[in-house]
Amino acid sequence: MNLFHSDGQGLKQLAELGAAFVLSAAIGLERELRHKSAGLRTYTVVGTTAALFLLVSKYGFMDVLSEGRIVLDPSRVAAQIVTGIGFIGAGLIFVKGDWVKGVTTAATLWLVTGIGMACGAGLLLLALVTTIAYFIIALVFPLLLRQLPGTPVPTEESRNTEHD
């Protein structure tokens, strides 16, 4: 393995996988600190694995490709990642009467999957900006919501950490 060759296992791909790890872990840490049902380990695993799947899709079949015989379509793997994480996310949402739990956790898991996929696709700037956007949503939006008249405290801020 040549670390400077673009065979799918070089420094570029390691940087993309590492970016997915760091950005997903940052979001997971925030969720962990809020005592949510999915935290540091879950988000880091999901985001890093999404990047790995996309990297495998981009580079893992180079030995079976030849001009005019097999066409590689990385979007097929991306679509399957989205479907798979949707299945996991649906399992995190619980409804009891008019009470819903887990929607933010499921949505954030979906988001961190997209961040991992962006890293795996080499779209590091998009992944970074999306991570920053998440922290604005998670940390700044609740402050803004408190300023609106008649707005209840967001469930993420309630004392009861059972709600999500």
N, C-alpha and C. Protein backbone atom coordinates (compact mmCIF):
# COMPACT_ATOMS: atom_id res chain seq x y z
N MET A 1 0.85 -1.19 0.00
CA MET A 1 0.00 0.00 0.00
C MET A 1 0.89 1.25 0.00
N ASN A 2 0.72 2.07 -0.98
CA ASN A 2 1.46 3.32 -1.10
C ASN A 2 0.59 4.45 -0.54
N LEU A 3 1.02 5.10 0.52
CA LEU A 3 0.20 6.13 1.17
C LEU A 3 0.00 7.36 0.30
N PHE A 4 0.79 7.53 -0.73
CA PHE A 4 0.67 8.71 -1.57
C PHE A 4 0.02 8.40 -2.92
N HIS A 5 -0.38 7.17 -3.13
CA HIS A 5 -1.03 6.77 -4.37
C HIS A 5 -2.54 6.77 -4.18
N SER A 6 -3.25 7.15 -5.20
CA SER A 6 -4.71 7.24 -5.07
C SER A 6 -5.38 5.93 -5.46
N ASP A 7 -5.06 4.84 -4.75
CA ASP A 7 -5.69 3.56 -5.01
C ASP A 7 -6.87 3.32 -4.08
N GLY A 8 -7.25 4.34 -3.34
CA GLY A 8 -8.36 4.21 -2.41
C GLY A 8 -7.91 3.97 -0.99
N GLN A 9 -6.62 3.82 -0.77
CA GLN A 9 -6.10 3.60 0.57
C GLN A 9 -4.95 4.53 0.88
N GLY A 10 -5.00 5.71 0.34
CA GLY A 10 -3.92 6.67 0.55
C GLY A 10 -4.25 7.70 1.61
N LEU A 11 -3.40 8.68 1.73
CA LEU A 11 -3.57 9.73 2.73
C LEU A 11 -4.88 10.50 2.53
N LYS A 12 -5.27 10.71 1.27
CA LYS A 12 -6.52 11.42 1.01
C LYS A 12 -7.71 10.68 1.63
N GLN A 13 -7.79 9.38 1.42
CA GLN A 13 -8.90 8.60 1.96
C GLN A 13 -8.82 8.49 3.48
N LEU A 14 -7.60 8.38 4.01
CA LEU A 14 -7.45 8.36 5.46
C LEU A 14 -7.90 9.69 6.06
N ALA A 15 -7.61 10.80 5.37
CA ALA A 15 -8.06 12.11 5.85
C ALA A 15 -9.58 12.20 5.80
N GLU A 16 -10.19 11.68 4.74
CA GLU A 16 -11.65 11.71 4.63
C GLU A 16 -12.30 10.87 5.73
N LEU A 17 -11.76 9.69 5.97
CA LEU A 17 -12.27 8.83 7.03
C LEU A 17 -12.05 9.48 8.39
N GLY A 18 -10.88 10.08 8.59
CA GLY A 18 -10.58 10.78 9.84
C GLY A 18 -11.49 11.97 10.07
N ALA A 19 -11.80 12.70 9.01
CA ALA A 19 -12.72 13.84 9.14
C ALA A 19 -14.10 13.36 9.57
N ALA A 20 -14.57 12.27 8.98
CA ALA A 20 -15.86 11.71 9.38
C ALA A 20 -15.84 11.31 10.86
N PHE A 21 -14.75 10.71 11.28
CA PHE A 21 -14.59 10.31 12.68
C PHE A 21 -14.67 11.52 13.60
N VAL A 22 -13.89 12.55 13.32
CA VAL A 22 -13.82 13.74 14.19
C VAL A 22 -15.15 14.49 14.21
N LEU A 23 -15.74 14.74 13.04
CA LEU A 23 -16.99 15.51 12.99
C LEU A 23 -18.15 14.74 13.62
N SER A 24 -18.22 13.45 13.36
CA SER A 24 -19.28 12.62 13.97
C SER A 24 -19.09 12.54 15.48
N ALA A 25 -17.85 12.40 15.92
CA ALA A 25 -17.57 12.34 17.36
C ALA A 25 -17.94 13.66 18.04
N ALA A 26 -17.72 14.78 17.37
CA ALA A 26 -18.07 16.08 17.96
C ALA A 26 -19.57 16.15 18.23
N ILE A 27 -20.37 15.70 17.27
CA ILE A 27 -21.82 15.70 17.45
C ILE A 27 -22.21 14.67 18.50
N GLY A 28 -21.59 13.52 18.47
CA GLY A 28 -21.87 12.49 19.48
C GLY A 28 -21.54 12.95 20.88
N LEU A 29 -20.46 13.69 21.03
CA LEU A 29 -20.09 14.20 22.35
C LEU A 29 -21.15 15.17 22.88
N GLU A 30 -21.64 16.04 22.00
CA GLU A 30 -22.69 16.98 22.42
C GLU A 30 -23.94 16.21 22.87
N ARG A 31 -24.31 15.18 22.14
CA ARG A 31 -25.48 14.36 22.50
C ARG A 31 -25.22 13.60 23.80
N GLU A 32 -24.01 13.13 23.98
CA GLU A 32 -23.64 12.42 25.21
C GLU A 32 -23.75 13.35 26.41
N LEU A 33 -23.25 14.56 26.26
CA LEU A 33 -23.29 15.52 27.37
C LEU A 33 -24.72 15.89 27.74
N ARG A 34 -25.65 15.76 26.80
CA ARG A 34 -27.06 16.02 27.08
C ARG A 34 -27.80 14.76 27.52
N HIS A 35 -27.07 13.67 27.70
CA HIS A 35 -27.63 12.40 28.18
C HIS A 35 -28.73 11.88 27.26
N LYS A 36 -28.50 11.93 25.96
CA LYS A 36 -29.48 11.42 25.00
C LYS A 36 -29.27 9.93 24.79
N SER A 37 -30.26 9.29 24.19
CA SER A 37 -30.23 7.84 24.07
C SER A 37 -29.10 7.34 23.17
N ALA A 38 -28.67 8.12 22.22
CA ALA A 38 -27.51 7.77 21.40
C ALA A 38 -26.46 8.85 21.66
N GLY A 39 -25.23 8.43 21.86
CA GLY A 39 -24.20 9.40 22.23
C GLY A 39 -22.92 9.25 21.43
N LEU A 40 -21.81 9.50 22.09
CA LEU A 40 -20.51 9.57 21.46
C LEU A 40 -20.19 8.34 20.61
N ARG A 41 -20.32 7.17 21.18
CA ARG A 41 -19.95 5.96 20.44
C ARG A 41 -20.87 5.73 19.24
N THR A 42 -22.17 5.87 19.45
CA THR A 42 -23.12 5.61 18.37
C THR A 42 -22.89 6.55 17.19
N TYR A 43 -22.81 7.84 17.46
CA TYR A 43 -22.64 8.80 16.38
C TYR A 43 -21.30 8.64 15.68
N THR A 44 -20.25 8.36 16.43
CA THR A 44 -18.94 8.19 15.82
C THR A 44 -18.91 6.95 14.93
N VAL A 45 -19.49 5.87 15.41
CA VAL A 45 -19.54 4.65 14.61
C VAL A 45 -20.35 4.86 13.33
N VAL A 46 -21.51 5.48 13.45
CA VAL A 46 -22.37 5.68 12.28
C VAL A 46 -21.71 6.58 11.24
N GLY A 47 -21.19 7.72 11.67
CA GLY A 47 -20.57 8.65 10.72
C GLY A 47 -19.33 8.08 10.07
N THR A 48 -18.48 7.42 10.85
CA THR A 48 -17.26 6.83 10.30
C THR A 48 -17.60 5.69 9.35
N THR A 49 -18.56 4.87 9.72
CA THR A 49 -18.95 3.75 8.86
C THR A 49 -19.58 4.24 7.57
N ALA A 50 -20.37 5.29 7.61
CA ALA A 50 -20.95 5.86 6.39
C ALA A 50 -19.83 6.30 5.44
N ALA A 51 -18.81 6.94 5.99
CA ALA A 51 -17.67 7.35 5.16
C ALA A 51 -16.97 6.13 4.58
N LEU A 52 -16.76 5.11 5.41
CA LEU A 52 -16.11 3.90 4.93
C LEU A 52 -16.90 3.26 3.79
N PHE A 53 -18.23 3.16 3.95
CA PHE A 53 -19.06 2.58 2.90
C PHE A 53 -18.89 3.34 1.59
N LEU A 54 -18.89 4.66 1.68
CA LEU A 54 -18.76 5.45 0.46
C LEU A 54 -17.37 5.32 -0.14
N LEU A 55 -16.34 5.25 0.68
CA LEU A 55 -14.98 5.05 0.17
C LEU A 55 -14.86 3.68 -0.50
N VAL A 56 -15.45 2.65 0.10
CA VAL A 56 -15.45 1.33 -0.52
C VAL A 56 -16.17 1.40 -1.86
N SER A 57 -17.27 2.11 -1.90
CA SER A 57 -18.03 2.25 -3.14
C SER A 57 -17.20 2.95 -4.23
N LYS A 58 -16.44 3.97 -3.82
CA LYS A 58 -15.65 4.73 -4.79
C LYS A 58 -14.42 3.97 -5.28
N TYR A 59 -13.77 3.23 -4.38
CA TYR A 59 -12.47 2.65 -4.71
C TYR A 59 -12.38 1.14 -4.62
N GLY A 60 -13.34 0.51 -4.00
CA GLY A 60 -13.21 -0.90 -3.69
C GLY A 60 -13.39 -1.86 -4.84
N PHE A 61 -13.79 -1.37 -5.99
CA PHE A 61 -14.07 -2.27 -7.11
C PHE A 61 -13.19 -1.98 -8.32
N MET A 62 -12.12 -1.23 -8.09
CA MET A 62 -11.24 -0.86 -9.20
C MET A 62 -10.64 -2.09 -9.88
N ASP A 63 -10.43 -3.17 -9.15
CA ASP A 63 -9.81 -4.36 -9.74
C ASP A 63 -10.77 -5.13 -10.65
N VAL A 64 -12.06 -4.89 -10.58
CA VAL A 64 -13.02 -5.59 -11.44
C VAL A 64 -13.57 -4.70 -12.54
N LEU A 65 -13.16 -3.46 -12.55
CA LEU A 65 -13.63 -2.54 -13.57
C LEU A 65 -12.72 -2.59 -14.79
N SER A 66 -13.30 -2.57 -15.93
CA SER A 66 -12.53 -2.41 -17.15
C SER A 66 -13.36 -1.57 -18.10
N GLU A 67 -12.69 -0.88 -18.97
CA GLU A 67 -13.34 0.05 -19.88
C GLU A 67 -14.45 -0.65 -20.67
N GLY A 68 -15.67 -0.12 -20.55
CA GLY A 68 -16.78 -0.62 -21.33
C GLY A 68 -17.48 -1.86 -20.80
N ARG A 69 -16.99 -2.47 -19.71
CA ARG A 69 -17.61 -3.70 -19.21
C ARG A 69 -18.49 -3.47 -17.99
N ILE A 70 -17.95 -2.87 -16.97
CA ILE A 70 -18.71 -2.65 -15.74
C ILE A 70 -18.68 -1.16 -15.42
N VAL A 71 -19.83 -0.63 -15.11
CA VAL A 71 -19.91 0.78 -14.75
C VAL A 71 -20.14 0.87 -13.24
N LEU A 72 -19.31 1.64 -12.58
CA LEU A 72 -19.41 1.82 -11.14
C LEU A 72 -20.35 2.97 -10.84
N ASP A 73 -21.31 2.75 -9.96
CA ASP A 73 -22.27 3.78 -9.59
C ASP A 73 -22.26 3.95 -8.08
N PRO A 74 -21.40 4.84 -7.54
CA PRO A 74 -21.33 5.03 -6.09
C PRO A 74 -22.65 5.51 -5.49
N SER A 75 -23.51 6.10 -6.29
CA SER A 75 -24.77 6.59 -5.74
C SER A 75 -25.65 5.44 -5.27
N ARG A 76 -25.46 4.25 -5.80
CA ARG A 76 -26.24 3.10 -5.35
C ARG A 76 -25.91 2.77 -3.90
N VAL A 77 -24.65 2.81 -3.54
CA VAL A 77 -24.26 2.56 -2.16
C VAL A 77 -24.78 3.68 -1.27
N ALA A 78 -24.65 4.92 -1.73
CA ALA A 78 -25.15 6.06 -0.94
C ALA A 78 -26.64 5.90 -0.66
N ALA A 79 -27.39 5.49 -1.65
CA ALA A 79 -28.84 5.31 -1.47
C ALA A 79 -29.13 4.22 -0.44
N GLN A 80 -28.34 3.16 -0.46
CA GLN A 80 -28.54 2.08 0.49
C GLN A 80 -28.17 2.50 1.91
N ILE A 81 -27.16 3.36 2.04
CA ILE A 81 -26.81 3.89 3.36
C ILE A 81 -27.99 4.68 3.93
N VAL A 82 -28.57 5.53 3.11
CA VAL A 82 -29.71 6.34 3.55
C VAL A 82 -30.87 5.45 3.95
N THR A 83 -31.14 4.42 3.18
CA THR A 83 -32.23 3.50 3.51
C THR A 83 -31.94 2.77 4.82
N GLY A 84 -30.73 2.28 4.98
CA GLY A 84 -30.37 1.55 6.19
C GLY A 84 -30.45 2.40 7.43
N ILE A 85 -29.95 3.62 7.35
CA ILE A 85 -29.98 4.49 8.54
C ILE A 85 -31.42 4.94 8.82
N GLY A 86 -32.24 5.05 7.79
CA GLY A 86 -33.65 5.36 8.00
C GLY A 86 -34.33 4.26 8.81
N PHE A 87 -33.97 3.03 8.54
CA PHE A 87 -34.51 1.89 9.29
C PHE A 87 -34.09 1.97 10.75
N ILE A 88 -32.81 2.25 10.99
CA ILE A 88 -32.32 2.38 12.37
C ILE A 88 -32.99 3.56 13.06
N GLY A 89 -33.08 4.69 12.36
CA GLY A 89 -33.70 5.89 12.93
C GLY A 89 -35.16 5.66 13.30
N ALA A 90 -35.88 4.93 12.46
CA ALA A 90 -37.29 4.65 12.75
C ALA A 90 -37.42 3.86 14.04
N GLY A 91 -36.45 3.01 14.31
CA GLY A 91 -36.48 2.22 15.54
C GLY A 91 -36.20 3.03 16.78
N LEU A 92 -35.70 4.25 16.61
CA LEU A 92 -35.41 5.11 17.75
C LEU A 92 -36.60 5.98 18.17
N ILE A 93 -37.62 6.04 17.33
CA ILE A 93 -38.77 6.92 17.59
C ILE A 93 -39.88 6.12 18.25
N PHE A 94 -40.33 6.63 19.38
CA PHE A 94 -41.41 5.99 20.12
C PHE A 94 -42.56 6.97 20.28
N VAL A 95 -43.77 6.50 20.07
CA VAL A 95 -44.97 7.33 20.20
C VAL A 95 -45.88 6.69 21.23
N LYS A 96 -46.35 7.52 22.17
CA LYS A 96 -47.30 7.06 23.17
C LYS A 96 -48.32 8.17 23.34
N GLY A 97 -49.50 7.96 22.78
CA GLY A 97 -50.52 9.02 22.80
C GLY A 97 -50.04 10.20 21.98
N ASP A 98 -50.00 11.38 22.62
CA ASP A 98 -49.51 12.57 21.91
C ASP A 98 -48.06 12.88 22.26
N TRP A 99 -47.38 11.92 22.88
CA TRP A 99 -45.99 12.08 23.31
C TRP A 99 -45.08 11.33 22.35
N VAL A 100 -44.07 12.03 21.83
CA VAL A 100 -43.12 11.44 20.90
C VAL A 100 -41.72 11.57 21.47
N LYS A 101 -40.98 10.49 21.44
CA LYS A 101 -39.60 10.48 21.95
C LYS A 101 -38.67 9.95 20.88
N GLY A 102 -37.50 10.55 20.74
CA GLY A 102 -36.47 10.03 19.87
C GLY A 102 -36.37 10.66 18.50
N VAL A 103 -37.25 11.61 18.19
CA VAL A 103 -37.22 12.21 16.85
C VAL A 103 -35.91 12.96 16.61
N THR A 104 -35.47 13.74 17.59
CA THR A 104 -34.23 14.49 17.41
C THR A 104 -33.04 13.54 17.33
N THR A 105 -33.04 12.49 18.12
CA THR A 105 -31.96 11.51 18.05
C THR A 105 -31.93 10.86 16.67
N ALA A 106 -33.07 10.46 16.16
CA ALA A 106 -33.13 9.84 14.83
C ALA A 106 -32.67 10.83 13.76
N ALA A 107 -33.13 12.07 13.84
CA ALA A 107 -32.74 13.07 12.85
C ALA A 107 -31.25 13.36 12.91
N THR A 108 -30.70 13.41 14.12
CA THR A 108 -29.28 13.69 14.26
C THR A 108 -28.45 12.51 13.77
N LEU A 109 -28.92 11.30 13.98
CA LEU A 109 -28.25 10.13 13.43
C LEU A 109 -28.25 10.18 11.91
N TRP A 110 -29.34 10.61 11.33
CA TRP A 110 -29.45 10.77 9.88
C TRP A 110 -28.46 11.83 9.41
N LEU A 111 -28.38 12.93 10.14
CA LEU A 111 -27.46 14.01 9.80
C LEU A 111 -26.01 13.54 9.86
N VAL A 112 -25.63 12.83 10.91
CA VAL A 112 -24.25 12.40 11.04
C VAL A 112 -23.91 11.37 9.96
N THR A 113 -24.89 10.63 9.50
CA THR A 113 -24.68 9.73 8.37
C THR A 113 -24.34 10.53 7.12
N GLY A 114 -25.08 11.60 6.89
CA GLY A 114 -24.78 12.47 5.75
C GLY A 114 -23.41 13.09 5.85
N ILE A 115 -23.01 13.47 7.05
CA ILE A 115 -21.68 14.04 7.26
C ILE A 115 -20.62 13.00 6.93
N GLY A 116 -20.80 11.79 7.40
CA GLY A 116 -19.87 10.72 7.08
C GLY A 116 -19.81 10.44 5.58
N MET A 117 -20.96 10.44 4.93
CA MET A 117 -21.01 10.22 3.49
C MET A 117 -20.30 11.35 2.75
N ALA A 118 -20.49 12.58 3.19
CA ALA A 118 -19.81 13.71 2.56
C ALA A 118 -18.30 13.57 2.70
N CYS A 119 -17.85 13.17 3.88
CA CYS A 119 -16.41 12.97 4.08
C CYS A 119 -15.90 11.86 3.16
N GLY A 120 -16.62 10.77 3.09
CA GLY A 120 -16.22 9.66 2.23
C GLY A 120 -16.20 10.02 0.77
N ALA A 121 -17.04 10.96 0.38
CA ALA A 121 -17.09 11.42 -1.01
C ALA A 121 -16.04 12.49 -1.29
N GLY A 122 -15.32 12.91 -0.25
CA GLY A 122 -14.30 13.94 -0.42
C GLY A 122 -14.84 15.35 -0.32
N LEU A 123 -16.05 15.50 0.15
CA LEU A 123 -16.70 16.81 0.27
C LEU A 123 -16.52 17.34 1.69
N LEU A 124 -15.27 17.55 2.09
CA LEU A 124 -14.96 17.88 3.48
C LEU A 124 -15.51 19.24 3.90
N LEU A 125 -15.51 20.21 3.02
CA LEU A 125 -16.05 21.53 3.36
C LEU A 125 -17.54 21.43 3.66
N LEU A 126 -18.28 20.69 2.84
CA LEU A 126 -19.71 20.50 3.11
C LEU A 126 -19.94 19.80 4.44
N ALA A 127 -19.12 18.81 4.73
CA ALA A 127 -19.24 18.09 6.00
C ALA A 127 -18.96 19.02 7.17
N LEU A 128 -17.95 19.85 7.07
CA LEU A 128 -17.60 20.78 8.14
C LEU A 128 -18.70 21.82 8.34
N VAL A 129 -19.19 22.39 7.26
CA VAL A 129 -20.26 23.41 7.36
C VAL A 129 -21.53 22.78 7.95
N THR A 130 -21.84 21.56 7.58
CA THR A 130 -23.02 20.88 8.13
C THR A 130 -22.85 20.61 9.62
N THR A 131 -21.65 20.26 10.03
CA THR A 131 -21.38 20.05 11.45
C THR A 131 -21.55 21.36 12.22
N ILE A 132 -21.04 22.44 11.68
CA ILE A 132 -21.22 23.76 12.32
C ILE A 132 -22.71 24.11 12.38
N ALA A 133 -23.42 23.84 11.29
CA ALA A 133 -24.87 24.11 11.28
C ALA A 133 -25.57 23.32 12.37
N TYR A 134 -25.16 22.07 12.58
CA TYR A 134 -25.77 21.28 13.65
C TYR A 134 -25.59 21.95 15.01
N PHE A 135 -24.37 22.42 15.28
CA PHE A 135 -24.13 23.05 16.58
C PHE A 135 -24.91 24.35 16.73
N ILE A 136 -25.16 25.06 15.66
CA ILE A 136 -26.02 26.24 15.71
C ILE A 136 -27.44 25.81 16.08
N ILE A 137 -27.91 24.75 15.43
CA ILE A 137 -29.26 24.23 15.72
C ILE A 137 -29.36 23.76 17.17
N ALA A 138 -28.36 23.02 17.62
CA ALA A 138 -28.42 22.41 18.95
C ALA A 138 -28.18 23.40 20.08
N LEU A 139 -27.32 24.39 19.86
CA LEU A 139 -26.92 25.26 20.96
C LEU A 139 -27.50 26.68 20.87
N VAL A 140 -27.67 27.20 19.66
CA VAL A 140 -28.14 28.58 19.51
C VAL A 140 -29.66 28.64 19.37
N PHE A 141 -30.24 27.73 18.61
CA PHE A 141 -31.69 27.77 18.41
C PHE A 141 -32.49 27.74 19.71
N PRO A 142 -32.14 26.90 20.69
CA PRO A 142 -32.90 26.93 21.94
C PRO A 142 -32.87 28.30 22.62
N LEU A 143 -31.75 29.01 22.52
CA LEU A 143 -31.67 30.36 23.08
C LEU A 143 -32.61 31.31 22.35
N LEU A 144 -32.67 31.18 21.03
CA LEU A 144 -33.57 32.02 20.24
C LEU A 144 -35.03 31.69 20.53
N LEU A 145 -35.33 30.42 20.66
CA LEU A 145 -36.72 30.01 20.93
C LEU A 145 -37.23 30.56 22.25
N ARG A 146 -36.34 30.66 23.24
CA ARG A 146 -36.75 31.21 24.54
C ARG A 146 -37.15 32.68 24.44
N GLN A 147 -36.67 33.37 23.41
CA GLN A 147 -36.98 34.79 23.24
C GLN A 147 -38.35 35.02 22.60
N LEU A 148 -38.91 33.98 21.98
CA LEU A 148 -40.21 34.12 21.34
C LEU A 148 -41.31 34.08 22.39
N PRO A 149 -42.26 35.02 22.31
CA PRO A 149 -43.34 35.02 23.30
C PRO A 149 -44.24 33.79 23.15
N GLY A 150 -44.57 33.21 24.29
CA GLY A 150 -45.50 32.07 24.31
C GLY A 150 -44.91 30.77 23.81
N THR A 151 -43.61 30.72 23.62
CA THR A 151 -42.98 29.51 23.13
C THR A 151 -42.58 28.64 24.31
N PRO A 152 -43.00 27.38 24.31
CA PRO A 152 -42.58 26.49 25.40
C PRO A 152 -41.09 26.19 25.29
N VAL A 153 -40.52 25.73 26.39
CA VAL A 153 -39.12 25.36 26.40
C VAL A 153 -38.95 24.15 25.48
N PRO A 154 -37.97 24.17 24.58
CA PRO A 154 -37.76 23.01 23.71
C PRO A 154 -37.52 21.76 24.53
N THR A 155 -38.00 20.63 24.03
CA THR A 155 -37.87 19.39 24.79
C THR A 155 -36.43 19.03 25.06
N GLU A 156 -35.50 19.47 24.20
CA GLU A 156 -34.10 19.19 24.44
C GLU A 156 -33.60 19.86 25.71
N GLU A 157 -34.32 20.91 26.16
CA GLU A 157 -33.89 21.66 27.32
C GLU A 157 -34.64 21.32 28.58
N SER A 158 -35.64 20.46 28.48
CA SER A 158 -36.41 20.15 29.67
C SER A 158 -35.56 19.36 30.65
N ARG A 159 -35.92 19.44 31.90
CA ARG A 159 -35.16 18.73 32.93
C ARG A 159 -35.26 17.22 32.72
N ASN A 160 -36.37 16.77 32.20
CA ASN A 160 -36.56 15.35 31.99
C ASN A 160 -35.83 14.94 30.72
N THR A 161 -34.73 14.21 30.86
CA THR A 161 -33.93 13.82 29.70
C THR A 161 -34.54 12.64 28.95
N GLU A 162 -35.70 12.20 29.39
CA GLU A 162 -36.37 11.13 28.67
C GLU A 162 -36.91 11.61 27.34
N HIS A 163 -37.23 12.89 27.24
CA HIS A 163 -37.76 13.42 25.99
C HIS A 163 -36.61 13.72 25.06
N ASP A 164 -36.90 13.67 23.78
CA ASP A 164 -35.84 13.94 22.80
C ASP A 164 -36.43 14.76 21.70
